[in-house]
């Protein structure tokens, strides 16, 4: 088994060190950390970061509030799909995606892997589908457009 650490999205919020603990400038540098695991049964992704559809249509798929607050840098080369292709893999090689939670910066690339089974806790799916978690935050952190084409959930 091999594990690859991926940055599947970069956010540069104002506040520097207050956000990331290390930046000396006015902007922080936060990454959407994902894992790509090579296993005997195929590839496994732990979270997906931002996906190609997020990059193509950010104002439809992501909250304007979080786009501005986080100063999200949507770079095609940072998508999980681009990085696994750079390793020589195909999107169809991804058999499983384990999503820690459905926040926009963890789940945006799910639909880039339509053949994968998506694993998630039942409670997280229930909360995300209801877009709960506070009226303001719940409607902005969960972006159902990022996962509404998923057909194979394992809760």
N, C-alpha and C. Protein backbone atom coordinates (compact mmCIF):
# COMPACT_ATOMS: atom_id res chain seq x y z
N UNK A 1 0.84 -1.17 0.00
CA UNK A 1 0.00 0.00 0.00
C UNK A 1 0.89 1.24 0.00
N UNK A 2 0.50 2.20 -0.84
CA UNK A 2 1.19 3.50 -0.88
C UNK A 2 0.17 4.58 -0.57
N UNK A 3 0.62 5.60 0.14
CA UNK A 3 -0.24 6.73 0.49
C UNK A 3 0.40 7.99 -0.07
N UNK A 4 -0.39 8.75 -0.83
CA UNK A 4 0.06 10.02 -1.38
C UNK A 4 -0.71 11.14 -0.68
N UNK A 5 0.00 12.16 -0.23
CA UNK A 5 -0.63 13.33 0.36
C UNK A 5 -0.86 14.35 -0.74
N UNK A 6 -2.10 14.82 -0.87
CA UNK A 6 -2.46 15.73 -1.95
C UNK A 6 -2.98 17.05 -1.37
N UNK A 7 -2.66 18.14 -2.04
CA UNK A 7 -3.31 19.41 -1.77
C UNK A 7 -4.35 19.60 -2.86
N UNK A 8 -5.61 19.44 -2.51
CA UNK A 8 -6.69 19.53 -3.50
C UNK A 8 -7.46 20.83 -3.38
N UNK A 9 -6.73 21.88 -3.10
CA UNK A 9 -7.31 23.22 -3.04
C UNK A 9 -6.57 24.08 -2.05
N UNK A 10 -6.38 25.34 -2.41
CA UNK A 10 -5.67 26.27 -1.55
C UNK A 10 -6.57 27.46 -1.22
N UNK A 11 -6.57 27.82 0.05
CA UNK A 11 -7.29 29.00 0.51
C UNK A 11 -6.28 29.97 1.10
N UNK A 12 -6.44 31.24 0.80
CA UNK A 12 -5.51 32.27 1.28
C UNK A 12 -6.28 33.40 1.96
N UNK A 13 -6.87 33.10 3.13
CA UNK A 13 -7.68 34.11 3.81
C UNK A 13 -6.83 35.23 4.40
N UNK A 14 -7.44 36.41 4.47
CA UNK A 14 -6.78 37.53 5.14
C UNK A 14 -6.63 37.16 6.61
N UNK A 15 -5.50 37.48 7.17
CA UNK A 15 -5.26 37.17 8.58
C UNK A 15 -3.97 36.43 8.80
N UNK A 16 -3.35 35.96 7.73
CA UNK A 16 -2.03 35.32 7.81
C UNK A 16 -1.89 34.33 8.93
N UNK A 17 -1.00 34.62 9.84
CA UNK A 17 -0.64 33.73 10.94
C UNK A 17 -1.84 33.34 11.80
N UNK A 18 -2.84 34.20 11.89
CA UNK A 18 -4.03 33.87 12.68
C UNK A 18 -4.74 32.64 12.14
N UNK A 19 -4.65 32.43 10.83
CA UNK A 19 -5.31 31.28 10.22
C UNK A 19 -4.43 30.05 10.15
N UNK A 20 -3.16 30.22 9.79
CA UNK A 20 -2.34 29.04 9.56
C UNK A 20 -1.20 28.85 10.54
N UNK A 21 -0.98 29.82 11.40
CA UNK A 21 0.06 29.70 12.43
C UNK A 21 1.47 29.96 11.96
N UNK A 22 1.70 30.17 10.66
CA UNK A 22 3.07 30.34 10.18
C UNK A 22 3.30 31.50 9.22
N UNK A 23 2.27 31.97 8.53
CA UNK A 23 2.48 33.00 7.50
C UNK A 23 2.93 34.32 8.11
N UNK A 24 3.91 34.95 7.47
CA UNK A 24 4.38 36.25 7.92
C UNK A 24 3.65 37.40 7.25
N UNK A 25 3.00 37.12 6.11
CA UNK A 25 2.30 38.15 5.36
C UNK A 25 0.85 38.29 5.79
N UNK A 26 0.11 39.12 5.07
CA UNK A 26 -1.28 39.36 5.44
C UNK A 26 -2.23 38.22 5.10
N UNK A 27 -1.80 37.31 4.23
CA UNK A 27 -2.67 36.20 3.84
C UNK A 27 -2.19 34.88 4.43
N UNK A 28 -3.14 34.08 4.85
CA UNK A 28 -2.83 32.73 5.30
C UNK A 28 -2.67 31.80 4.12
N UNK A 29 -2.24 30.60 4.39
CA UNK A 29 -2.08 29.59 3.34
C UNK A 29 -2.59 28.27 3.92
N UNK A 30 -3.81 27.90 3.53
CA UNK A 30 -4.44 26.67 4.01
C UNK A 30 -4.66 25.75 2.83
N UNK A 31 -4.43 24.47 3.02
CA UNK A 31 -4.62 23.50 1.95
C UNK A 31 -5.76 22.56 2.30
N UNK A 32 -6.40 22.05 1.27
CA UNK A 32 -7.41 21.00 1.42
C UNK A 32 -6.66 19.67 1.32
N UNK A 33 -6.27 19.16 2.45
CA UNK A 33 -5.45 17.95 2.49
C UNK A 33 -6.29 16.72 2.23
N UNK A 34 -5.91 15.97 1.24
CA UNK A 34 -6.58 14.71 0.88
C UNK A 34 -5.53 13.62 0.78
N UNK A 35 -5.96 12.40 0.87
CA UNK A 35 -5.06 11.26 0.73
C UNK A 35 -5.50 10.41 -0.45
N UNK A 36 -4.53 9.95 -1.21
CA UNK A 36 -4.75 8.98 -2.27
C UNK A 36 -4.03 7.71 -1.84
N UNK A 37 -4.79 6.64 -1.68
CA UNK A 37 -4.23 5.37 -1.20
C UNK A 37 -4.28 4.36 -2.34
N UNK A 38 -3.11 3.80 -2.63
CA UNK A 38 -3.04 2.71 -3.60
C UNK A 38 -3.20 1.41 -2.82
N UNK A 39 -4.25 0.66 -3.13
CA UNK A 39 -4.47 -0.61 -2.44
C UNK A 39 -4.54 -1.73 -3.48
N UNK A 40 -4.58 -2.95 -3.00
CA UNK A 40 -4.67 -4.11 -3.90
C UNK A 40 -5.98 -4.14 -4.67
N UNK A 41 -6.99 -3.47 -4.15
CA UNK A 41 -8.31 -3.50 -4.80
C UNK A 41 -8.62 -2.22 -5.58
N UNK A 42 -7.64 -1.35 -5.72
CA UNK A 42 -7.84 -0.09 -6.45
C UNK A 42 -7.49 1.10 -5.59
N UNK A 43 -7.79 2.26 -6.12
CA UNK A 43 -7.46 3.50 -5.42
C UNK A 43 -8.57 3.90 -4.45
N UNK A 44 -8.15 4.51 -3.35
CA UNK A 44 -9.07 5.03 -2.34
C UNK A 44 -8.69 6.49 -2.11
N UNK A 45 -9.67 7.35 -2.16
CA UNK A 45 -9.45 8.76 -1.83
C UNK A 45 -10.07 9.05 -0.47
N UNK A 46 -9.33 9.74 0.37
CA UNK A 46 -9.88 10.25 1.62
C UNK A 46 -10.09 11.74 1.37
N UNK A 47 -11.34 12.14 1.23
CA UNK A 47 -11.76 13.48 0.84
C UNK A 47 -11.31 13.77 -0.59
N UNK A 48 -11.90 14.80 -1.18
CA UNK A 48 -11.59 15.11 -2.58
C UNK A 48 -11.23 16.57 -2.82
N UNK A 49 -11.36 17.42 -1.81
CA UNK A 49 -11.07 18.83 -2.02
C UNK A 49 -12.01 19.43 -3.06
N UNK A 50 -11.52 20.43 -3.77
CA UNK A 50 -12.31 21.05 -4.83
C UNK A 50 -12.18 20.23 -6.10
N UNK A 51 -13.26 20.17 -6.87
CA UNK A 51 -13.27 19.38 -8.09
C UNK A 51 -13.30 20.24 -9.34
N UNK A 52 -13.30 19.56 -10.48
CA UNK A 52 -13.27 20.27 -11.76
C UNK A 52 -14.53 21.11 -11.97
N UNK A 53 -15.67 20.65 -11.51
CA UNK A 53 -16.90 21.43 -11.66
C UNK A 53 -16.88 22.68 -10.79
N UNK A 54 -16.22 22.60 -9.63
CA UNK A 54 -16.06 23.79 -8.78
C UNK A 54 -15.24 24.85 -9.50
N UNK A 55 -14.20 24.41 -10.18
CA UNK A 55 -13.32 25.33 -10.90
C UNK A 55 -14.05 25.92 -12.11
N UNK A 56 -14.82 25.09 -12.81
CA UNK A 56 -15.54 25.56 -13.99
C UNK A 56 -16.69 26.50 -13.66
N UNK A 57 -17.35 26.28 -12.51
CA UNK A 57 -18.54 27.06 -12.15
C UNK A 57 -18.53 27.43 -10.66
N UNK A 58 -17.53 28.17 -10.20
CA UNK A 58 -17.42 28.42 -8.76
C UNK A 58 -18.61 29.17 -8.16
N UNK A 59 -19.19 30.10 -8.89
CA UNK A 59 -20.27 30.91 -8.32
C UNK A 59 -21.60 30.16 -8.28
N UNK A 60 -21.70 29.08 -9.02
CA UNK A 60 -22.89 28.22 -8.95
C UNK A 60 -22.73 27.16 -7.88
N UNK A 61 -21.50 26.69 -7.68
CA UNK A 61 -21.27 25.54 -6.81
C UNK A 61 -20.81 25.89 -5.41
N UNK A 62 -20.24 27.06 -5.24
CA UNK A 62 -19.68 27.43 -3.94
C UNK A 62 -20.36 28.70 -3.42
N UNK A 63 -20.35 28.85 -2.14
CA UNK A 63 -20.95 30.01 -1.50
C UNK A 63 -20.09 31.25 -1.74
N UNK A 64 -20.72 32.34 -2.16
CA UNK A 64 -19.99 33.60 -2.35
C UNK A 64 -19.31 34.02 -1.05
N UNK A 65 -19.99 33.79 0.06
CA UNK A 65 -19.42 34.14 1.37
C UNK A 65 -18.09 33.44 1.59
N UNK A 66 -18.05 32.12 1.38
CA UNK A 66 -16.82 31.38 1.62
C UNK A 66 -15.77 31.61 0.53
N UNK A 67 -16.22 31.85 -0.71
CA UNK A 67 -15.26 32.19 -1.77
C UNK A 67 -14.47 33.42 -1.38
N UNK A 68 -15.17 34.43 -0.87
CA UNK A 68 -14.50 35.68 -0.49
C UNK A 68 -13.76 35.56 0.83
N UNK A 69 -14.39 34.98 1.83
CA UNK A 69 -13.77 34.85 3.15
C UNK A 69 -12.45 34.09 3.07
N UNK A 70 -12.46 32.99 2.33
CA UNK A 70 -11.28 32.12 2.26
C UNK A 70 -10.33 32.46 1.13
N UNK A 71 -10.73 33.41 0.26
CA UNK A 71 -9.88 33.75 -0.89
C UNK A 71 -9.42 32.46 -1.58
N UNK A 72 -10.41 31.66 -1.98
CA UNK A 72 -10.14 30.33 -2.53
C UNK A 72 -9.45 30.44 -3.89
N UNK A 73 -8.35 29.73 -4.03
CA UNK A 73 -7.58 29.68 -5.27
C UNK A 73 -7.96 28.40 -6.00
N UNK A 74 -8.76 28.52 -7.02
CA UNK A 74 -9.25 27.33 -7.74
C UNK A 74 -8.31 27.03 -8.90
N UNK A 75 -7.41 26.08 -8.69
CA UNK A 75 -6.39 25.73 -9.67
C UNK A 75 -6.65 24.32 -10.20
N UNK A 76 -6.82 24.20 -11.52
CA UNK A 76 -7.10 22.87 -12.10
C UNK A 76 -6.06 21.82 -11.71
N UNK A 77 -4.80 22.20 -11.62
CA UNK A 77 -3.75 21.23 -11.30
C UNK A 77 -3.83 20.72 -9.87
N UNK A 78 -4.61 21.38 -9.01
CA UNK A 78 -4.75 20.93 -7.62
C UNK A 78 -5.91 19.98 -7.42
N UNK A 79 -6.72 19.74 -8.44
CA UNK A 79 -7.82 18.80 -8.27
C UNK A 79 -7.26 17.39 -8.09
N UNK A 80 -8.00 16.57 -7.37
CA UNK A 80 -7.58 15.18 -7.16
C UNK A 80 -7.45 14.45 -8.49
N UNK A 81 -8.37 14.71 -9.40
CA UNK A 81 -8.35 14.02 -10.69
C UNK A 81 -7.08 14.37 -11.48
N UNK A 82 -6.67 15.62 -11.46
CA UNK A 82 -5.44 16.02 -12.17
C UNK A 82 -4.21 15.38 -11.54
N UNK A 83 -4.19 15.32 -10.22
CA UNK A 83 -3.03 14.76 -9.54
C UNK A 83 -2.94 13.25 -9.72
N UNK A 84 -4.07 12.55 -9.70
CA UNK A 84 -3.96 11.10 -9.90
C UNK A 84 -3.60 10.78 -11.35
N UNK A 85 -4.04 11.61 -12.29
CA UNK A 85 -3.62 11.42 -13.68
C UNK A 85 -2.11 11.64 -13.81
N UNK A 86 -1.57 12.59 -13.07
CA UNK A 86 -0.12 12.84 -13.09
C UNK A 86 0.65 11.62 -12.56
N UNK A 87 0.03 10.84 -11.69
CA UNK A 87 0.63 9.60 -11.19
C UNK A 87 0.46 8.45 -12.19
N UNK A 88 -0.29 8.69 -13.27
CA UNK A 88 -0.51 7.66 -14.27
C UNK A 88 -1.80 6.87 -14.08
N UNK A 89 -2.68 7.33 -13.21
CA UNK A 89 -3.94 6.63 -12.95
C UNK A 89 -5.08 7.25 -13.74
N UNK A 90 -6.17 6.50 -13.86
CA UNK A 90 -7.39 6.96 -14.50
C UNK A 90 -8.44 7.20 -13.41
N UNK A 91 -9.39 8.11 -13.64
CA UNK A 91 -10.46 8.31 -12.65
C UNK A 91 -11.21 7.01 -12.34
N UNK A 92 -11.32 6.12 -13.30
CA UNK A 92 -12.03 4.85 -13.05
C UNK A 92 -11.26 3.92 -12.13
N UNK A 93 -9.99 4.22 -11.86
CA UNK A 93 -9.20 3.43 -10.91
C UNK A 93 -9.60 3.70 -9.46
N UNK A 94 -10.30 4.81 -9.22
CA UNK A 94 -10.75 5.15 -7.86
C UNK A 94 -11.99 4.33 -7.56
N UNK A 95 -11.85 3.39 -6.64
CA UNK A 95 -12.94 2.49 -6.29
C UNK A 95 -13.77 3.02 -5.12
N UNK A 96 -13.10 3.71 -4.20
CA UNK A 96 -13.77 4.18 -2.98
C UNK A 96 -13.34 5.60 -2.65
N UNK A 97 -14.30 6.38 -2.17
CA UNK A 97 -14.01 7.70 -1.61
C UNK A 97 -14.57 7.70 -0.19
N UNK A 98 -13.71 7.99 0.76
CA UNK A 98 -14.13 8.13 2.15
C UNK A 98 -14.17 9.63 2.43
N UNK A 99 -15.36 10.14 2.72
CA UNK A 99 -15.51 11.56 2.97
C UNK A 99 -15.62 11.77 4.48
N UNK A 100 -14.69 12.54 5.03
CA UNK A 100 -14.72 12.78 6.46
C UNK A 100 -15.95 13.58 6.85
N UNK A 101 -16.35 14.53 5.99
CA UNK A 101 -17.59 15.28 6.13
C UNK A 101 -17.84 15.99 4.81
N UNK A 102 -19.06 16.48 4.61
CA UNK A 102 -19.46 17.00 3.31
C UNK A 102 -19.29 18.51 3.14
N UNK A 103 -18.41 19.12 3.91
CA UNK A 103 -18.14 20.54 3.69
C UNK A 103 -17.60 20.73 2.27
N UNK A 104 -17.86 21.90 1.71
CA UNK A 104 -17.52 22.20 0.31
C UNK A 104 -16.06 21.97 -0.03
N UNK A 105 -15.16 22.15 0.92
CA UNK A 105 -13.73 21.98 0.63
C UNK A 105 -13.24 20.55 0.83
N UNK A 106 -14.13 19.65 1.17
CA UNK A 106 -13.79 18.23 1.32
C UNK A 106 -14.48 17.36 0.27
N UNK A 107 -15.60 17.86 -0.28
CA UNK A 107 -16.46 17.02 -1.12
C UNK A 107 -16.60 17.50 -2.56
N UNK A 108 -15.93 18.56 -2.95
CA UNK A 108 -16.13 19.13 -4.28
C UNK A 108 -15.75 18.25 -5.44
N UNK A 109 -14.82 17.33 -5.23
CA UNK A 109 -14.36 16.49 -6.33
C UNK A 109 -15.02 15.13 -6.41
N UNK A 110 -16.01 14.88 -5.58
CA UNK A 110 -16.65 13.56 -5.58
C UNK A 110 -17.15 13.17 -6.97
N UNK A 111 -17.80 14.10 -7.64
CA UNK A 111 -18.41 13.78 -8.94
C UNK A 111 -17.39 13.60 -10.06
N UNK A 112 -16.12 13.90 -9.79
CA UNK A 112 -15.07 13.62 -10.78
C UNK A 112 -14.79 12.12 -10.87
N UNK A 113 -15.35 11.34 -9.94
CA UNK A 113 -15.10 9.90 -9.88
C UNK A 113 -16.44 9.15 -9.83
N UNK A 114 -17.17 9.14 -10.94
CA UNK A 114 -18.53 8.59 -10.94
C UNK A 114 -18.62 7.09 -10.68
N UNK A 115 -17.53 6.36 -10.82
CA UNK A 115 -17.55 4.92 -10.58
C UNK A 115 -17.23 4.52 -9.15
N UNK A 116 -16.90 5.51 -8.33
CA UNK A 116 -16.48 5.21 -6.96
C UNK A 116 -17.67 5.07 -6.02
N UNK A 117 -17.52 4.21 -5.04
CA UNK A 117 -18.46 4.12 -3.94
C UNK A 117 -18.05 5.18 -2.93
N UNK A 118 -19.03 5.97 -2.46
CA UNK A 118 -18.74 7.05 -1.53
C UNK A 118 -19.18 6.64 -0.13
N UNK A 119 -18.23 6.64 0.80
CA UNK A 119 -18.48 6.23 2.18
C UNK A 119 -18.57 7.47 3.07
N UNK A 120 -19.59 7.48 3.93
CA UNK A 120 -19.85 8.63 4.79
C UNK A 120 -20.74 8.17 5.93
N UNK A 121 -20.64 8.85 7.08
CA UNK A 121 -21.54 8.48 8.17
C UNK A 121 -22.97 8.89 7.80
N UNK A 122 -23.92 8.08 8.23
CA UNK A 122 -25.33 8.35 7.95
C UNK A 122 -25.76 9.68 8.56
N UNK A 123 -25.26 9.98 9.73
CA UNK A 123 -25.64 11.24 10.40
C UNK A 123 -25.14 12.44 9.62
N UNK A 124 -23.93 12.40 9.11
CA UNK A 124 -23.41 13.52 8.32
C UNK A 124 -24.23 13.72 7.06
N UNK A 125 -24.62 12.64 6.39
CA UNK A 125 -25.44 12.75 5.18
C UNK A 125 -26.80 13.36 5.52
N UNK A 126 -27.38 12.93 6.62
CA UNK A 126 -28.68 13.46 7.05
C UNK A 126 -28.60 14.96 7.33
N UNK A 127 -27.57 15.38 8.04
CA UNK A 127 -27.40 16.80 8.36
C UNK A 127 -27.12 17.61 7.09
N UNK A 128 -26.28 17.09 6.24
CA UNK A 128 -25.94 17.80 5.00
C UNK A 128 -27.14 17.90 4.07
N UNK A 129 -27.90 16.83 3.94
CA UNK A 129 -29.08 16.86 3.08
C UNK A 129 -30.10 17.88 3.58
N UNK A 130 -30.19 18.03 4.90
CA UNK A 130 -31.10 19.01 5.49
C UNK A 130 -30.48 20.39 5.57
N UNK A 131 -29.19 20.46 5.18
CA UNK A 131 -28.41 21.71 5.23
C UNK A 131 -28.56 22.38 6.59
N UNK A 132 -28.41 21.53 7.61
CA UNK A 132 -28.48 22.04 8.98
C UNK A 132 -27.07 22.40 9.43
N UNK A 133 -26.94 22.75 10.67
CA UNK A 133 -25.65 23.16 11.20
C UNK A 133 -25.62 24.67 11.35
N UNK A 134 -26.80 25.25 11.60
CA UNK A 134 -26.92 26.69 11.71
C UNK A 134 -27.47 27.25 10.41
N UNK A 135 -28.43 28.12 10.51
CA UNK A 135 -29.10 28.64 9.30
C UNK A 135 -28.11 29.29 8.34
N UNK A 136 -27.23 30.11 8.84
CA UNK A 136 -26.30 30.80 7.94
C UNK A 136 -25.22 29.86 7.44
N UNK A 137 -24.55 29.20 8.36
CA UNK A 137 -23.43 28.33 7.98
C UNK A 137 -23.91 27.08 7.26
N UNK A 138 -24.97 26.46 7.73
CA UNK A 138 -25.44 25.21 7.14
C UNK A 138 -25.80 25.32 5.67
N UNK A 139 -26.34 26.47 5.28
CA UNK A 139 -26.71 26.64 3.88
C UNK A 139 -25.52 27.02 3.01
N UNK A 140 -24.39 27.31 3.61
CA UNK A 140 -23.22 27.71 2.83
C UNK A 140 -22.10 26.65 2.84
N UNK A 141 -21.99 25.93 3.93
CA UNK A 141 -20.90 24.93 3.99
C UNK A 141 -21.24 23.68 3.21
N UNK A 142 -22.52 23.29 3.22
CA UNK A 142 -22.95 22.13 2.47
C UNK A 142 -23.46 22.58 1.10
N UNK A 143 -22.89 22.02 0.05
CA UNK A 143 -23.24 22.39 -1.31
C UNK A 143 -23.70 21.14 -2.06
N UNK A 144 -24.99 20.80 -1.96
CA UNK A 144 -25.51 19.56 -2.57
C UNK A 144 -25.16 19.38 -4.05
N UNK A 145 -24.96 20.46 -4.76
CA UNK A 145 -24.58 20.34 -6.18
C UNK A 145 -23.27 19.56 -6.32
N UNK A 146 -22.46 19.52 -5.27
CA UNK A 146 -21.19 18.80 -5.33
C UNK A 146 -21.36 17.29 -5.27
N UNK A 147 -22.48 16.83 -4.80
CA UNK A 147 -22.65 15.38 -4.66
C UNK A 147 -23.99 14.86 -5.16
N UNK A 148 -24.78 15.68 -5.82
CA UNK A 148 -26.12 15.22 -6.20
C UNK A 148 -26.13 14.19 -7.32
N UNK A 149 -25.01 13.97 -7.99
CA UNK A 149 -24.96 12.92 -9.01
C UNK A 149 -24.41 11.59 -8.49
N UNK A 150 -24.11 11.52 -7.21
CA UNK A 150 -23.57 10.28 -6.63
C UNK A 150 -24.68 9.24 -6.55
N UNK A 151 -24.41 8.04 -7.06
CA UNK A 151 -25.42 7.00 -7.04
C UNK A 151 -25.09 5.88 -6.06
N UNK A 152 -23.84 5.78 -5.64
CA UNK A 152 -23.44 4.66 -4.78
C UNK A 152 -22.90 5.15 -3.45
N UNK A 153 -23.83 5.46 -2.53
CA UNK A 153 -23.47 5.86 -1.18
C UNK A 153 -23.40 4.62 -0.28
N UNK A 154 -22.46 4.60 0.63
CA UNK A 154 -22.41 3.59 1.69
C UNK A 154 -22.36 4.37 3.00
N UNK A 155 -23.48 4.33 3.70
CA UNK A 155 -23.60 5.10 4.93
C UNK A 155 -23.36 4.21 6.14
